[in-house]
Amino acid sequence: MRRGRSISLGAVVYLIVGLVVALSNGYGITDLSSLLSFLLALFLWPLVLLGISLHVSLGV
């Protein structure tokens, strides 16, 4: 009997595609605002492919 939650293959593929799209569109991690931008691009990668910029500026 298996306990806990398992992640589906579709979710893994979605995250891998998001990772590739985010990195190929210049979303790197250097500070907090770039981390937030990277995470947004990772999960909302279809918007990045449509040309929408998800870069976050914290105004620091």
C-alpha atoms as a PDB file:
ATOM      1  CA  MET A   1       0.000   0.000   0.000  1.00  0.00           C
ATOM      2  CA  ARG A   2       1.377   3.363  -1.032  1.00  0.00           C
ATOM      3  CA  ARG A   3       0.963   6.376   1.223  1.00  0.00           C
ATOM      4  CA  GLY A   4       1.252  10.055   0.504  1.00  0.00           C
ATOM      5  CA  ARG A   5       0.720  11.971  -2.648  1.00  0.00           C
ATOM      6  CA  SER A   6       2.392  11.203  -5.896  1.00  0.00           C
ATOM      7  CA  ILE A   7       2.932  13.733  -8.638  1.00  0.00           C
ATOM      8  CA  SER A   8       1.462  12.907 -12.011  1.00  0.00           C
ATOM      9  CA  LEU A   9       3.492  12.529 -15.161  1.00  0.00           C
ATOM     10  CA  GLY A  10       1.607  15.449 -16.702  1.00  0.00           C
ATOM     11  CA  ALA A  11       2.642  17.738 -13.855  1.00  0.00           C
ATOM     12  CA  VAL A  12       6.279  16.696 -14.219  1.00  0.00           C
ATOM     13  CA  VAL A  13       6.204  17.358 -17.970  1.00  0.00           C
ATOM     14  CA  TYR A  14       4.502  20.732 -17.392  1.00  0.00           C
ATOM     15  CA  LEU A  15       7.216  21.796 -14.933  1.00  0.00           C
ATOM     16  CA  ILE A  16      10.046  20.598 -17.183  1.00  0.00           C
ATOM     17  CA  VAL A  17       8.632  22.544 -20.127  1.00  0.00           C
ATOM     18  CA  GLY A  18       8.206  25.564 -17.835  1.00  0.00           C
ATOM     19  CA  LEU A  19      11.811  25.280 -16.720  1.00  0.00           C
ATOM     20  CA  VAL A  20      13.079  25.165 -20.305  1.00  0.00           C
ATOM     21  CA  VAL A  21      10.875  28.088 -21.383  1.00  0.00           C
ATOM     22  CA  ALA A  22      11.828  30.209 -18.359  1.00  0.00           C
ATOM     23  CA  LEU A  23      15.558  29.647 -18.767  1.00  0.00           C
ATOM     24  CA  SER A  24      15.512  30.158 -22.528  1.00  0.00           C
ATOM     25  CA  ASN A  25      13.696  33.486 -22.114  1.00  0.00           C
ATOM     26  CA  GLY A  26      16.187  34.995 -19.689  1.00  0.00           C
ATOM     27  CA  TYR A  27      14.525  34.249 -16.360  1.00  0.00           C
ATOM     28  CA  GLY A  28      17.500  33.555 -14.096  1.00  0.00           C
ATOM     29  CA  ILE A  29      17.853  33.714 -10.329  1.00  0.00           C
ATOM     30  CA  THR A  30      20.127  36.428  -8.928  1.00  0.00           C
ATOM     31  CA  ASP A  31      18.005  38.131  -6.254  1.00  0.00           C
ATOM     32  CA  LEU A  32      14.522  38.038  -4.736  1.00  0.00           C
ATOM     33  CA  SER A  33      12.748  39.820  -7.591  1.00  0.00           C
ATOM     34  CA  SER A  34      14.401  37.585 -10.192  1.00  0.00           C
ATOM     35  CA  LEU A  35      13.440  34.521  -8.102  1.00  0.00           C
ATOM     36  CA  LEU A  36       9.805  35.649  -8.107  1.00  0.00           C
ATOM     37  CA  SER A  37       9.976  36.310 -11.846  1.00  0.00           C
ATOM     38  CA  PHE A  38      11.489  32.880 -12.431  1.00  0.00           C
ATOM     39  CA  LEU A  39       8.777  31.142 -10.389  1.00  0.00           C
ATOM     40  CA  LEU A  40       6.038  33.007 -12.242  1.00  0.00           C
ATOM     41  CA  ALA A  41       7.595  32.080 -15.578  1.00  0.00           C
ATOM     42  CA  LEU A  42       7.973  28.476 -14.438  1.00  0.00           C
ATOM     43  CA  PHE A  43       4.298  28.050 -13.612  1.00  0.00           C
ATOM     44  CA  LEU A  44       2.816  30.463 -16.175  1.00  0.00           C
ATOM     45  CA  TRP A  45       5.056  29.524 -19.112  1.00  0.00           C
ATOM     46  CA  PRO A  46       2.226  29.613 -21.696  1.00  0.00           C
ATOM     47  CA  LEU A  47       2.003  33.373 -21.059  1.00  0.00           C
ATOM     48  CA  VAL A  48       5.750  33.707 -21.636  1.00  0.00           C
ATOM     49  CA  LEU A  49       5.338  31.951 -24.982  1.00  0.00           C
ATOM     50  CA  LEU A  50       2.647  34.490 -25.882  1.00  0.00           C
ATOM     51  CA  GLY A  51       5.147  37.294 -25.275  1.00  0.00           C
ATOM     52  CA  ILE A  52       3.916  38.499 -21.894  1.00  0.00           C
ATOM     53  CA  SER A  53       6.721  39.686 -19.620  1.00  0.00           C
ATOM     54  CA  LEU A  54       6.568  38.296 -16.103  1.00  0.00           C
ATOM     55  CA  HIS A  55       9.550  40.200 -14.733  1.00  0.00           C
ATOM     56  CA  VAL A  56       8.860  41.424 -11.203  1.00  0.00           C
ATOM     57  CA  SER A  57      10.392  44.645  -9.887  1.00  0.00           C
ATOM     58  CA  LEU A  58      10.336  45.096  -6.128  1.00  0.00           C
ATOM     59  CA  GLY A  59      11.611  48.671  -6.348  1.00  0.00           C
ATOM     60  CA  VAL A  60      14.535  48.071  -4.049  1.00  0.00           C
END
